[in-house]
Amino acid sequence: MKKAISAFVLCLAIYIIYYDVTTGTLIASTKATAPPEHTADAKTNVHIPYQMVAVKPGDTLLSIMEKLQNGSIPVPIDKAITDFEALNPGEKAQTLQIGKKYKIPVYKH
């Protein structure tokens, strides 16, 4: 009886491996398309309230925004970064330069 069960399990394992290799059990992958990137023209037509601020030593985008808001900002930091980069085309929130003026988004509570 043990030999029969062992033979059955072995045959089943071989069949499963054969089926998996030839047909497969995973869903066929579809070609993923990247979402279209925003053009510079779309960024120049931005209507976000802002304030011009000169960066001082030690300032970060978040610290400047918190000073303008008198506390924490009412939006997620990802949205704040996106809005900053939309207001300042070609600039990155992570690379603020001391002494340079930037448009900093201002949000209402």
PDB file of N, CA and C in Angstrom:
ATOM      1  N   MET A   1       0.815  -1.186   0.000  1.00  0.00           N
ATOM      2  CA  MET A   1       0.000   0.000   0.000  1.00  0.00           C
ATOM      3  C   MET A   1       0.865   1.258   0.000  1.00  0.00           C
ATOM      4  N   LYS A   2       1.978   1.241   0.779  1.00  0.00           N
ATOM      5  CA  LYS A   2       2.862   2.390   0.827  1.00  0.00           C
ATOM      6  C   LYS A   2       3.474   2.661  -0.541  1.00  0.00           C
ATOM      7  N   LYS A   3       3.815   1.586  -1.268  1.00  0.00           N
ATOM      8  CA  LYS A   3       4.412   1.755  -2.588  1.00  0.00           C
ATOM      9  C   LYS A   3       3.416   2.383  -3.551  1.00  0.00           C
ATOM     10  N   ALA A   4       2.151   2.015  -3.469  1.00  0.00           N
ATOM     11  CA  ALA A   4       1.126   2.557  -4.362  1.00  0.00           C
ATOM     12  C   ALA A   4       0.914   4.047  -4.094  1.00  0.00           C
ATOM     13  N   ILE A   5       0.857   4.415  -2.823  1.00  0.00           N
ATOM     14  CA  ILE A   5       0.671   5.830  -2.471  1.00  0.00           C
ATOM     15  C   ILE A   5       1.893   6.636  -2.892  1.00  0.00           C
ATOM     16  N   SER A   6       3.082   6.090  -2.670  1.00  0.00           N
ATOM     17  CA  SER A   6       4.312   6.777  -3.063  1.00  0.00           C
ATOM     18  C   SER A   6       4.360   6.969  -4.573  1.00  0.00           C
ATOM     19  N   ALA A   7       3.970   5.945  -5.336  1.00  0.00           N
ATOM     20  CA  ALA A   7       3.958   6.039  -6.792  1.00  0.00           C
ATOM     21  C   ALA A   7       2.941   7.077  -7.250  1.00  0.00           C
ATOM     22  N   PHE A   8       1.761   7.101  -6.612  1.00  0.00           N
ATOM     23  CA  PHE A   8       0.732   8.073  -6.960  1.00  0.00           C
ATOM     24  C   PHE A   8       1.219   9.503  -6.694  1.00  0.00           C
ATOM     25  N   VAL A   9       1.840   9.732  -5.530  1.00  0.00           N
ATOM     26  CA  VAL A   9       2.349  11.063  -5.174  1.00  0.00           C
ATOM     27  C   VAL A   9       3.451  11.476  -6.142  1.00  0.00           C
ATOM     28  N   LEU A  10       4.331  10.548  -6.515  1.00  0.00           N
ATOM     29  CA  LEU A  10       5.399  10.842  -7.457  1.00  0.00           C
ATOM     30  C   LEU A  10       4.828  11.217  -8.823  1.00  0.00           C
ATOM     31  N   CYS A  11       3.856  10.447  -9.304  1.00  0.00           N
ATOM     32  CA  CYS A  11       3.226  10.752 -10.597  1.00  0.00           C
ATOM     33  C   CYS A  11       2.511  12.101 -10.552  1.00  0.00           C
ATOM     34  N   LEU A  12       1.835  12.374  -9.450  1.00  0.00           N
ATOM     35  CA  LEU A  12       1.141  13.648  -9.300  1.00  0.00           C
ATOM     36  C   LEU A  12       2.133  14.810  -9.309  1.00  0.00           C
ATOM     37  N   ALA A  13       3.255  14.647  -8.615  1.00  0.00           N
ATOM     38  CA  ALA A  13       4.275  15.692  -8.573  1.00  0.00           C
ATOM     39  C   ALA A  13       4.859  15.936  -9.959  1.00  0.00           C
ATOM     40  N   ILE A  14       5.129  14.866 -10.697  1.00  0.00           N
ATOM     41  CA  ILE A  14       5.661  15.007 -12.055  1.00  0.00           C
ATOM     42  C   ILE A  14       4.652  15.715 -12.953  1.00  0.00           C
ATOM     43  N   TYR A  15       3.370  15.346 -12.843  1.00  0.00           N
ATOM     44  CA  TYR A  15       2.334  15.988 -13.648  1.00  0.00           C
ATOM     45  C   TYR A  15       2.230  17.477 -13.313  1.00  0.00           C
ATOM     46  N   ILE A  16       2.274  17.812 -12.028  1.00  0.00           N
ATOM     47  CA  ILE A  16       2.169  19.215 -11.615  1.00  0.00           C
ATOM     48  C   ILE A  16       3.340  20.024 -12.167  1.00  0.00           C
ATOM     49  N   ILE A  17       4.537  19.477 -12.079  1.00  0.00           N
ATOM     50  CA  ILE A  17       5.713  20.167 -12.609  1.00  0.00           C
ATOM     51  C   ILE A  17       5.595  20.332 -14.117  1.00  0.00           C
ATOM     52  N   TYR A  18       5.171  19.283 -14.826  1.00  0.00           N
ATOM     53  CA  TYR A  18       4.994  19.350 -16.275  1.00  0.00           C
ATOM     54  C   TYR A  18       3.968  20.422 -16.650  1.00  0.00           C
ATOM     55  N   TYR A  19       2.834  20.431 -15.963  1.00  0.00           N
ATOM     56  CA  TYR A  19       1.776  21.404 -16.260  1.00  0.00           C
ATOM     57  C   TYR A  19       2.266  22.826 -15.999  1.00  0.00           C
ATOM     58  N   ASP A  20       2.991  23.008 -14.913  1.00  0.00           N
ATOM     59  CA  ASP A  20       3.478  24.335 -14.555  1.00  0.00           C
ATOM     60  C   ASP A  20       4.486  24.847 -15.578  1.00  0.00           C
ATOM     61  N   VAL A  21       5.349  23.971 -16.064  1.00  0.00           N
ATOM     62  CA  VAL A  21       6.368  24.384 -17.021  1.00  0.00           C
ATOM     63  C   VAL A  21       5.761  24.663 -18.392  1.00  0.00           C
ATOM     64  N   THR A  22       4.831  23.830 -18.846  1.00  0.00           N
ATOM     65  CA  THR A  22       4.279  23.999 -20.192  1.00  0.00           C
ATOM     66  C   THR A  22       3.175  25.050 -20.259  1.00  0.00           C
ATOM     67  N   THR A  23       2.211  24.990 -19.378  1.00  0.00           N
ATOM     68  CA  THR A  23       1.069  25.899 -19.427  1.00  0.00           C
ATOM     69  C   THR A  23       1.246  27.059 -18.469  1.00  0.00           C
ATOM     70  N   GLY A  24       1.710  26.777 -17.302  1.00  0.00           N
ATOM     71  CA  GLY A  24       1.892  27.807 -16.288  1.00  0.00           C
ATOM     72  C   GLY A  24       0.636  28.027 -15.483  1.00  0.00           C
ATOM     73  N   THR A  25       0.822  28.548 -14.294  1.00  0.00           N
ATOM     74  CA  THR A  25      -0.321  28.816 -13.433  1.00  0.00           C
ATOM     75  C   THR A  25      -0.466  30.299 -13.136  1.00  0.00           C
ATOM     76  N   LEU A  26       0.469  31.110 -13.611  1.00  0.00           N
ATOM     77  CA  LEU A  26       0.395  32.545 -13.391  1.00  0.00           C
ATOM     78  C   LEU A  26      -0.403  33.217 -14.493  1.00  0.00           C
ATOM     79  N   ILE A  27      -0.998  34.328 -14.163  1.00  0.00           N
ATOM     80  CA  ILE A  27      -1.739  35.106 -15.151  1.00  0.00           C
ATOM     81  C   ILE A  27      -0.732  35.730 -16.102  1.00  0.00           C
ATOM     82  N   ALA A  28      -1.044  35.717 -17.378  1.00  0.00           N
ATOM     83  CA  ALA A  28      -0.146  36.293 -18.365  1.00  0.00           C
ATOM     84  C   ALA A  28       0.046  37.773 -18.070  1.00  0.00           C
ATOM     85  N   SER A  29       1.291  38.198 -18.096  1.00  0.00           N
ATOM     86  CA  SER A  29       1.563  39.601 -17.786  1.00  0.00           C
ATOM     87  C   SER A  29       1.161  40.471 -18.969  1.00  0.00           C
ATOM     88  N   THR A  30       0.668  41.649 -18.637  1.00  0.00           N
ATOM     89  CA  THR A  30       0.302  42.607 -19.673  1.00  0.00           C
ATOM     90  C   THR A  30       1.356  43.686 -19.705  1.00  0.00           C
ATOM     91  N   LYS A  31       1.504  44.304 -20.829  1.00  0.00           N
ATOM     92  CA  LYS A  31       2.502  45.343 -20.974  1.00  0.00           C
ATOM     93  C   LYS A  31       2.055  46.566 -20.187  1.00  0.00           C
ATOM     94  N   ALA A  32       2.859  46.953 -19.232  1.00  0.00           N
ATOM     95  CA  ALA A  32       2.524  48.121 -18.415  1.00  0.00           C
ATOM     96  C   ALA A  32       2.961  49.378 -19.149  1.00  0.00           C
ATOM     97  N   THR A  33       2.079  50.331 -19.198  1.00  0.00           N
ATOM     98  CA  THR A  33       2.412  51.592 -19.835  1.00  0.00           C
ATOM     99  C   THR A  33       2.577  52.654 -18.769  1.00  0.00           C
ATOM    100  N   ALA A  34       3.566  53.470 -18.949  1.00  0.00           N
ATOM    101  CA  ALA A  34       3.811  54.547 -17.991  1.00  0.00           C
ATOM    102  C   ALA A  34       2.802  55.659 -18.229  1.00  0.00           C
ATOM    103  N   PRO A  35       2.344  56.292 -17.158  1.00  0.00           N
ATOM    104  CA  PRO A  35       1.423  57.404 -17.345  1.00  0.00           C
ATOM    105  C   PRO A  35       2.133  58.549 -18.058  1.00  0.00           C
ATOM    106  N   PRO A  36       1.414  59.323 -18.829  1.00  0.00           N
ATOM    107  CA  PRO A  36       2.062  60.419 -19.548  1.00  0.00           C
ATOM    108  C   PRO A  36       2.623  61.446 -18.567  1.00  0.00           C
ATOM    109  N   GLU A  37       3.801  61.937 -18.892  1.00  0.00           N
ATOM    110  CA  GLU A  37       4.413  62.933 -18.022  1.00  0.00           C
ATOM    111  C   GLU A  37       3.823  64.302 -18.328  1.00  0.00           C
ATOM    112  N   HIS A  38       3.792  65.127 -17.295  1.00  0.00           N
ATOM    113  CA  HIS A  38       3.267  66.471 -17.483  1.00  0.00           C
ATOM    114  C   HIS A  38       4.287  67.304 -18.240  1.00  0.00           C
ATOM    115  N   THR A  39       3.795  68.146 -19.112  1.00  0.00           N
ATOM    116  CA  THR A  39       4.693  69.003 -19.869  1.00  0.00           C
ATOM    117  C   THR A  39       4.934  70.291 -19.106  1.00  0.00           C
ATOM    118  N   ALA A  40       5.929  71.014 -19.535  1.00  0.00           N
ATOM    119  CA  ALA A  40       6.254  72.277 -18.872  1.00  0.00           C
ATOM    120  C   ALA A  40       5.121  73.283 -19.047  1.00  0.00           C
ATOM    121  N   ASP A  41       4.386  73.210 -20.168  1.00  0.00           N
ATOM    122  CA  ASP A  41       3.277  74.132 -20.402  1.00  0.00           C
ATOM    123  C   ASP A  41       2.197  73.966 -19.345  1.00  0.00           C
ATOM    124  N   ALA A  42       1.958  72.729 -18.926  1.00  0.00           N
ATOM    125  CA  ALA A  42       0.933  72.488 -17.913  1.00  0.00           C
ATOM    126  C   ALA A  42       1.363  73.066 -16.569  1.00  0.00           C
ATOM    127  N   LYS A  43       2.664  73.079 -16.295  1.00  0.00           N
ATOM    128  CA  LYS A  43       3.146  73.579 -15.014  1.00  0.00           C
ATOM    129  C   LYS A  43       3.142  75.105 -14.954  1.00  0.00           C
ATOM    130  N   THR A  44       3.228  75.781 -16.077  1.00  0.00           N
ATOM    131  CA  THR A  44       3.273  77.236 -16.046  1.00  0.00           C
ATOM    132  C   THR A  44       1.910  77.841 -15.792  1.00  0.00           C
ATOM    133  N   ASN A  45       0.850  77.081 -15.981  1.00  0.00           N
ATOM    134  CA  ASN A  45      -0.505  77.573 -15.776  1.00  0.00           C
ATOM    135  C   ASN A  45      -1.025  77.088 -14.418  1.00  0.00           C
ATOM    136  N   VAL A  46      -0.276  77.392 -13.351  1.00  0.00           N
ATOM    137  CA  VAL A  46      -0.589  76.906 -12.013  1.00  0.00           C
ATOM    138  C   VAL A  46      -1.266  78.010 -11.212  1.00  0.00           C
ATOM    139  N   HIS A  47      -2.328  77.660 -10.483  1.00  0.00           N
ATOM    140  CA  HIS A  47      -3.056  78.628  -9.662  1.00  0.00           C
ATOM    141  C   HIS A  47      -3.022  78.188  -8.205  1.00  0.00           C
ATOM    142  N   ILE A  48      -1.853  78.220  -7.617  1.00  0.00           N
ATOM    143  CA  ILE A  48      -1.673  77.844  -6.217  1.00  0.00           C
ATOM    144  C   ILE A  48      -1.230  79.106  -5.475  1.00  0.00           C
ATOM    145  N   PRO A  49      -1.896  79.452  -4.374  1.00  0.00           N
ATOM    146  CA  PRO A  49      -1.442  80.630  -3.624  1.00  0.00           C
ATOM    147  C   PRO A  49      -0.029  80.403  -3.078  1.00  0.00           C
ATOM    148  N   TYR A  50       0.816  81.435  -3.180  1.00  0.00           N
ATOM    149  CA  TYR A  50       2.199  81.280  -2.744  1.00  0.00           C
ATOM    150  C   TYR A  50       2.721  82.581  -2.150  1.00  0.00           C
ATOM    151  N   GLN A  51       3.882  82.470  -1.538  1.00  0.00           N
ATOM    152  CA  GLN A  51       4.584  83.628  -1.010  1.00  0.00           C
ATOM    153  C   GLN A  51       6.049  83.492  -1.394  1.00  0.00           C
ATOM    154  N   MET A  52       6.659  84.579  -1.864  1.00  0.00           N
ATOM    155  CA  MET A  52       8.079  84.553  -2.214  1.00  0.00           C
ATOM    156  C   MET A  52       8.901  84.586  -0.929  1.00  0.00           C
ATOM    157  N   VAL A  53       9.843  83.664  -0.818  1.00  0.00           N
ATOM    158  CA  VAL A  53      10.674  83.564   0.385  1.00  0.00           C
ATOM    159  C   VAL A  53      12.120  83.331  -0.034  1.00  0.00           C
ATOM    160  N   ALA A  54      13.039  84.049   0.613  1.00  0.00           N
ATOM    161  CA  ALA A  54      14.469  83.817   0.410  1.00  0.00           C
ATOM    162  C   ALA A  54      14.922  82.761   1.417  1.00  0.00           C
ATOM    163  N   VAL A  55      15.660  81.787   0.934  1.00  0.00           N
ATOM    164  CA  VAL A  55      16.101  80.677   1.780  1.00  0.00           C
ATOM    165  C   VAL A  55      17.288  81.113   2.634  1.00  0.00           C
ATOM    166  N   LYS A  56      17.230  80.771   3.914  1.00  0.00           N
ATOM    167  CA  LYS A  56      18.306  81.068   4.868  1.00  0.00           C
ATOM    168  C   LYS A  56      19.024  79.763   5.210  1.00  0.00           C
ATOM    169  N   PRO A  57      20.236  79.859   5.760  1.00  0.00           N
ATOM    170  CA  PRO A  57      20.946  78.631   6.145  1.00  0.00           C
ATOM    171  C   PRO A  57      20.120  77.790   7.118  1.00  0.00           C
ATOM    172  N   GLY A  58      20.042  76.501   6.855  1.00  0.00           N
ATOM    173  CA  GLY A  58      19.311  75.573   7.718  1.00  0.00           C
ATOM    174  C   GLY A  58      17.855  75.395   7.343  1.00  0.00           C
ATOM    175  N   ASP A  59      17.358  76.212   6.406  1.00  0.00           N
ATOM    176  CA  ASP A  59      15.955  76.099   5.999  1.00  0.00           C
ATOM    177  C   ASP A  59      15.733  74.876   5.122  1.00  0.00           C
ATOM    178  N   THR A  60      14.583  74.257   5.310  1.00  0.00           N
ATOM    179  CA  THR A  60      14.104  73.212   4.410  1.00  0.00           C
ATOM    180  C   THR A  60      12.730  73.652   3.926  1.00  0.00           C
ATOM    181  N   LEU A  61      12.224  73.005   2.910  1.00  0.00           N
ATOM    182  CA  LEU A  61      10.896  73.359   2.417  1.00  0.00           C
ATOM    183  C   LEU A  61       9.870  73.229   3.533  1.00  0.00           C
ATOM    184  N   LEU A  62       9.942  72.151   4.282  1.00  0.00           N
ATOM    185  CA  LEU A  62       8.977  71.930   5.359  1.00  0.00           C
ATOM    186  C   LEU A  62       9.095  72.993   6.450  1.00  0.00           C
ATOM    187  N   SER A  63      10.317  73.347   6.837  1.00  0.00           N
ATOM    188  CA  SER A  63      10.472  74.357   7.899  1.00  0.00           C
ATOM    189  C   SER A  63       9.969  75.720   7.442  1.00  0.00           C
ATOM    190  N   ILE A  64      10.198  76.073   6.185  1.00  0.00           N
ATOM    191  CA  ILE A  64       9.702  77.350   5.660  1.00  0.00           C
ATOM    192  C   ILE A  64       8.183  77.349   5.642  1.00  0.00           C
ATOM    193  N   MET A  65       7.587  76.254   5.170  1.00  0.00           N
ATOM    194  CA  MET A  65       6.126  76.179   5.090  1.00  0.00           C
ATOM    195  C   MET A  65       5.499  76.220   6.480  1.00  0.00           C
ATOM    196  N   GLU A  66       6.129  75.575   7.451  1.00  0.00           N
ATOM    197  CA  GLU A  66       5.595  75.602   8.815  1.00  0.00           C
ATOM    198  C   GLU A  66       5.677  77.000   9.416  1.00  0.00           C
ATOM    199  N   LYS A  67       6.731  77.767   9.076  1.00  0.00           N
ATOM    200  CA  LYS A  67       6.828  79.155   9.544  1.00  0.00           C
ATOM    201  C   LYS A  67       5.705  79.996   8.938  1.00  0.00           C
ATOM    202  N   LEU A  68       5.445  79.801   7.646  1.00  0.00           N
ATOM    203  CA  LEU A  68       4.387  80.569   6.979  1.00  0.00           C
ATOM    204  C   LEU A  68       3.006  80.205   7.514  1.00  0.00           C
ATOM    205  N   GLN A  69       2.820  78.961   7.909  1.00  0.00           N
ATOM    206  CA  GLN A  69       1.523  78.482   8.403  1.00  0.00           C
ATOM    207  C   GLN A  69       1.359  78.694   9.911  1.00  0.00           C
ATOM    208  N   ASN A  70       2.434  79.085  10.591  1.00  0.00           N
ATOM    209  CA  ASN A  70       2.425  79.190  12.055  1.00  0.00           C
ATOM    210  C   ASN A  70       2.080  77.851  12.700  1.00  0.00           C
ATOM    211  N   GLY A  71       2.646  76.794  12.190  1.00  0.00           N
ATOM    212  CA  GLY A  71       2.394  75.452  12.717  1.00  0.00           C
ATOM    213  C   GLY A  71       2.548  74.427  11.615  1.00  0.00           C
ATOM    214  N   SER A  72       1.937  73.278  11.807  1.00  0.00           N
ATOM    215  CA  SER A  72       2.053  72.208  10.813  1.00  0.00           C
ATOM    216  C   SER A  72       1.243  72.544   9.566  1.00  0.00           C
ATOM    217  N   ILE A  73       1.652  71.963   8.455  1.00  0.00           N
ATOM    218  CA  ILE A  73       0.947  72.227   7.197  1.00  0.00           C
ATOM    219  C   ILE A  73      -0.273  71.313   7.090  1.00  0.00           C
ATOM    220  N   PRO A  74      -1.374  71.817   6.504  1.00  0.00           N
ATOM    221  CA  PRO A  74      -2.622  71.046   6.461  1.00  0.00           C
ATOM    222  C   PRO A  74      -2.731  70.063   5.301  1.00  0.00           C
ATOM    223  N   VAL A  75      -1.652  69.858   4.557  1.00  0.00           N
ATOM    224  CA  VAL A  75      -1.677  68.932   3.418  1.00  0.00           C
ATOM    225  C   VAL A  75      -0.542  67.926   3.583  1.00  0.00           C
ATOM    226  N   PRO A  76      -0.630  66.780   2.902  1.00  0.00           N
ATOM    227  CA  PRO A  76       0.480  65.816   2.948  1.00  0.00           C
ATOM    228  C   PRO A  76       1.747  66.428   2.348  1.00  0.00           C
ATOM    229  N   ILE A  77       2.895  66.025   2.841  1.00  0.00           N
ATOM    230  CA  ILE A  77       4.166  66.576   2.371  1.00  0.00           C
ATOM    231  C   ILE A  77       4.376  66.305   0.883  1.00  0.00           C
ATOM    232  N   ASP A  78       3.857  65.167   0.374  1.00  0.00           N
ATOM    233  CA  ASP A  78       3.986  64.866  -1.057  1.00  0.00           C
ATOM    234  C   ASP A  78       3.293  65.924  -1.904  1.00  0.00           C
ATOM    235  N   LYS A  79       2.108  66.363  -1.480  1.00  0.00           N
ATOM    236  CA  LYS A  79       1.386  67.407  -2.212  1.00  0.00           C
ATOM    237  C   LYS A  79       2.134  68.728  -2.123  1.00  0.00           C
ATOM    238  N   ALA A  80       2.702  69.026  -0.959  1.00  0.00           N
ATOM    239  CA  ALA A  80       3.460  70.264  -0.789  1.00  0.00           C
ATOM    240  C   ALA A  80       4.667  70.285  -1.727  1.00  0.00           C
ATOM    241  N   ILE A  81       5.358  69.165  -1.836  1.00  0.00           N
ATOM    242  CA  ILE A  81       6.516  69.079  -2.726  1.00  0.00           C
ATOM    243  C   ILE A  81       6.079  69.230  -4.176  1.00  0.00           C
ATOM    244  N   THR A  82       4.997  68.552  -4.554  1.00  0.00           N
ATOM    245  CA  THR A  82       4.490  68.648  -5.924  1.00  0.00           C
ATOM    246  C   THR A  82       4.101  70.082  -6.254  1.00  0.00           C
ATOM    247  N   ASP A  83       3.406  70.750  -5.334  1.00  0.00           N
ATOM    248  CA  ASP A  83       3.003  72.139  -5.563  1.00  0.00           C
ATOM    249  C   ASP A  83       4.217  73.056  -5.658  1.00  0.00           C
ATOM    250  N   PHE A  84       5.213  72.847  -4.796  1.00  0.00           N
ATOM    251  CA  PHE A  84       6.434  73.652  -4.844  1.00  0.00           C
ATOM    252  C   PHE A  84       7.106  73.514  -6.203  1.00  0.00           C
ATOM    253  N   GLU A  85       7.231  72.276  -6.673  1.00  0.00           N
ATOM    254  CA  GLU A  85       7.903  72.043  -7.949  1.00  0.00           C
ATOM    255  C   GLU A  85       7.079  72.558  -9.125  1.00  0.00           C
ATOM    256  N   ALA A  86       5.751  72.630  -8.972  1.00  0.00           N
ATOM    257  CA  ALA A  86       4.909  73.210 -10.017  1.00  0.00           C
ATOM    258  C   ALA A  86       5.069  74.729 -10.046  1.00  0.00           C
ATOM    259  N   LEU A  87       5.193  75.343  -8.885  1.00  0.00           N
ATOM    260  CA  LEU A  87       5.373  76.796  -8.809  1.00  0.00           C
ATOM    261  C   LEU A  87       6.774  77.223  -9.235  1.00  0.00           C
ATOM    262  N   ASN A  88       7.735  76.352  -9.073  1.00  0.00           N
ATOM    263  CA  ASN A  88       9.135  76.652  -9.388  1.00  0.00           C
ATOM    264  C   ASN A  88       9.655  75.645 -10.407  1.00  0.00           C
ATOM    265  N   PRO A  89       9.274  75.785 -11.686  1.00  0.00           N
ATOM    266  CA  PRO A  89       9.696  74.809 -12.703  1.00  0.00           C
ATOM    267  C   PRO A  89      11.221  74.674 -12.758  1.00  0.00           C
ATOM    268  N   GLY A  90      11.669  73.452 -12.828  1.00  0.00           N
ATOM    269  CA  GLY A  90      13.098  73.175 -12.912  1.00  0.00           C
ATOM    270  C   GLY A  90      13.794  73.099 -11.569  1.00  0.00           C
ATOM    271  N   GLU A  91      13.078  73.361 -10.496  1.00  0.00           N
ATOM    272  CA  GLU A  91      13.664  73.309  -9.151  1.00  0.00           C
ATOM    273  C   GLU A  91      13.164  72.070  -8.418  1.00  0.00           C
ATOM    274  N   LYS A  92      14.003  71.519  -7.572  1.00  0.00           N
ATOM    275  CA  LYS A  92      13.640  70.373  -6.738  1.00  0.00           C
ATOM    276  C   LYS A  92      13.569  70.828  -5.288  1.00  0.00           C
ATOM    277  N   ALA A  93      12.601  70.303  -4.559  1.00  0.00           N
ATOM    278  CA  ALA A  93      12.417  70.683  -3.158  1.00  0.00           C
ATOM    279  C   ALA A  93      13.611  70.262  -2.306  1.00  0.00           C
ATOM    280  N   GLN A  94      14.335  69.246  -2.726  1.00  0.00           N
ATOM    281  CA  GLN A  94      15.457  68.736  -1.941  1.00  0.00           C
ATOM    282  C   GLN A  94      16.734  69.547  -2.146  1.00  0.00           C
ATOM    283  N   THR A  95      16.753  70.450  -3.130  1.00  0.00           N
ATOM    284  CA  THR A  95      17.989  71.172  -3.448  1.00  0.00           C
ATOM    285  C   THR A  95      17.794  72.683  -3.372  1.00  0.00           C
ATOM    286  N   LEU A  96      17.232  73.160  -2.281  1.00  0.00           N
ATOM    287  CA  LEU A  96      17.080  74.602  -2.094  1.00  0.00           C
ATOM    288  C   LEU A  96      18.461  75.225  -1.912  1.00  0.00           C
ATOM    289  N   GLN A  97      18.642  76.424  -2.491  1.00  0.00           N
ATOM    290  CA  GLN A  97      19.926  77.104  -2.393  1.00  0.00           C
ATOM    291  C   GLN A  97      19.799  78.319  -1.481  1.00  0.00           C
ATOM    292  N   ILE A  98      20.763  78.494  -0.602  1.00  0.00           N
ATOM    293  CA  ILE A  98      20.757  79.601   0.351  1.00  0.00           C
ATOM    294  C   ILE A  98      20.800  80.921  -0.413  1.00  0.00           C
ATOM    295  N   GLY A  99      19.927  81.852  -0.012  1.00  0.00           N
ATOM    296  CA  GLY A  99      19.889  83.180  -0.615  1.00  0.00           C
ATOM    297  C   GLY A  99      18.986  83.290  -1.831  1.00  0.00           C
ATOM    298  N   LYS A 100      18.598  82.186  -2.399  1.00  0.00           N
ATOM    299  CA  LYS A 100      17.741  82.204  -3.582  1.00  0.00           C
ATOM    300  C   LYS A 100      16.283  82.332  -3.155  1.00  0.00           C
ATOM    301  N   LYS A 101      15.486  83.056  -3.955  1.00  0.00           N
ATOM    302  CA  LYS A 101      14.068  83.229  -3.642  1.00  0.00           C
ATOM    303  C   LYS A 101      13.240  82.187  -4.383  1.00  0.00           C
ATOM    304  N   TYR A 102      12.280  81.625  -3.667  1.00  0.00           N
ATOM    305  CA  TYR A 102      11.389  80.609  -4.218  1.00  0.00           C
ATOM    306  C   TYR A 102       9.945  80.979  -3.926  1.00  0.00           C
ATOM    307  N   LYS A 103       9.052  80.468  -4.766  1.00  0.00           N
ATOM    308  CA  LYS A 103       7.617  80.585  -4.515  1.00  0.00           C
ATOM    309  C   LYS A 103       7.227  79.411  -3.620  1.00  0.00           C
ATOM    310  N   ILE A 104       6.799  79.705  -2.407  1.00  0.00           N
ATOM    311  CA  ILE A 104       6.433  78.671  -1.440  1.00  0.00           C
ATOM    312  C   ILE A 104       4.913  78.607  -1.357  1.00  0.00           C
ATOM    313  N   PRO A 105       4.306  77.431  -1.594  1.00  0.00           N
ATOM    314  CA  PRO A 105       2.842  77.329  -1.520  1.00  0.00           C
ATOM    315  C   PRO A 105       2.331  77.636  -0.114  1.00  0.00           C
ATOM    316  N   VAL A 106       1.202  78.339  -0.062  1.00  0.00           N
ATOM    317  CA  VAL A 106       0.570  78.681   1.211  1.00  0.00           C
ATOM    318  C   VAL A 106      -0.818  78.065   1.208  1.00  0.00           C
ATOM    319  N   TYR A 107      -1.151  77.345   2.265  1.00  0.00           N
ATOM    320  CA  TYR A 107      -2.441  76.659   2.365  1.00  0.00           C
ATOM    321  C   TYR A 107      -3.246  77.246   3.505  1.00  0.00           C
ATOM    322  N   LYS A 108      -4.561  77.223   3.342  1.00  0.00           N
ATOM    323  CA  LYS A 108      -5.451  77.675   4.408  1.00  0.00           C
ATOM    324  C   LYS A 108      -5.844  76.479   5.254  1.00  0.00           C
ATOM    325  N   HIS A 109      -5.961  76.693   6.545  1.00  0.00           N
ATOM    326  CA  HIS A 109      -6.342  75.603   7.463  1.00  0.00           C
ATOM    327  C   HIS A 109      -7.774  75.258   7.289  1.00  0.00           C
TER     328      HIS A 109
END
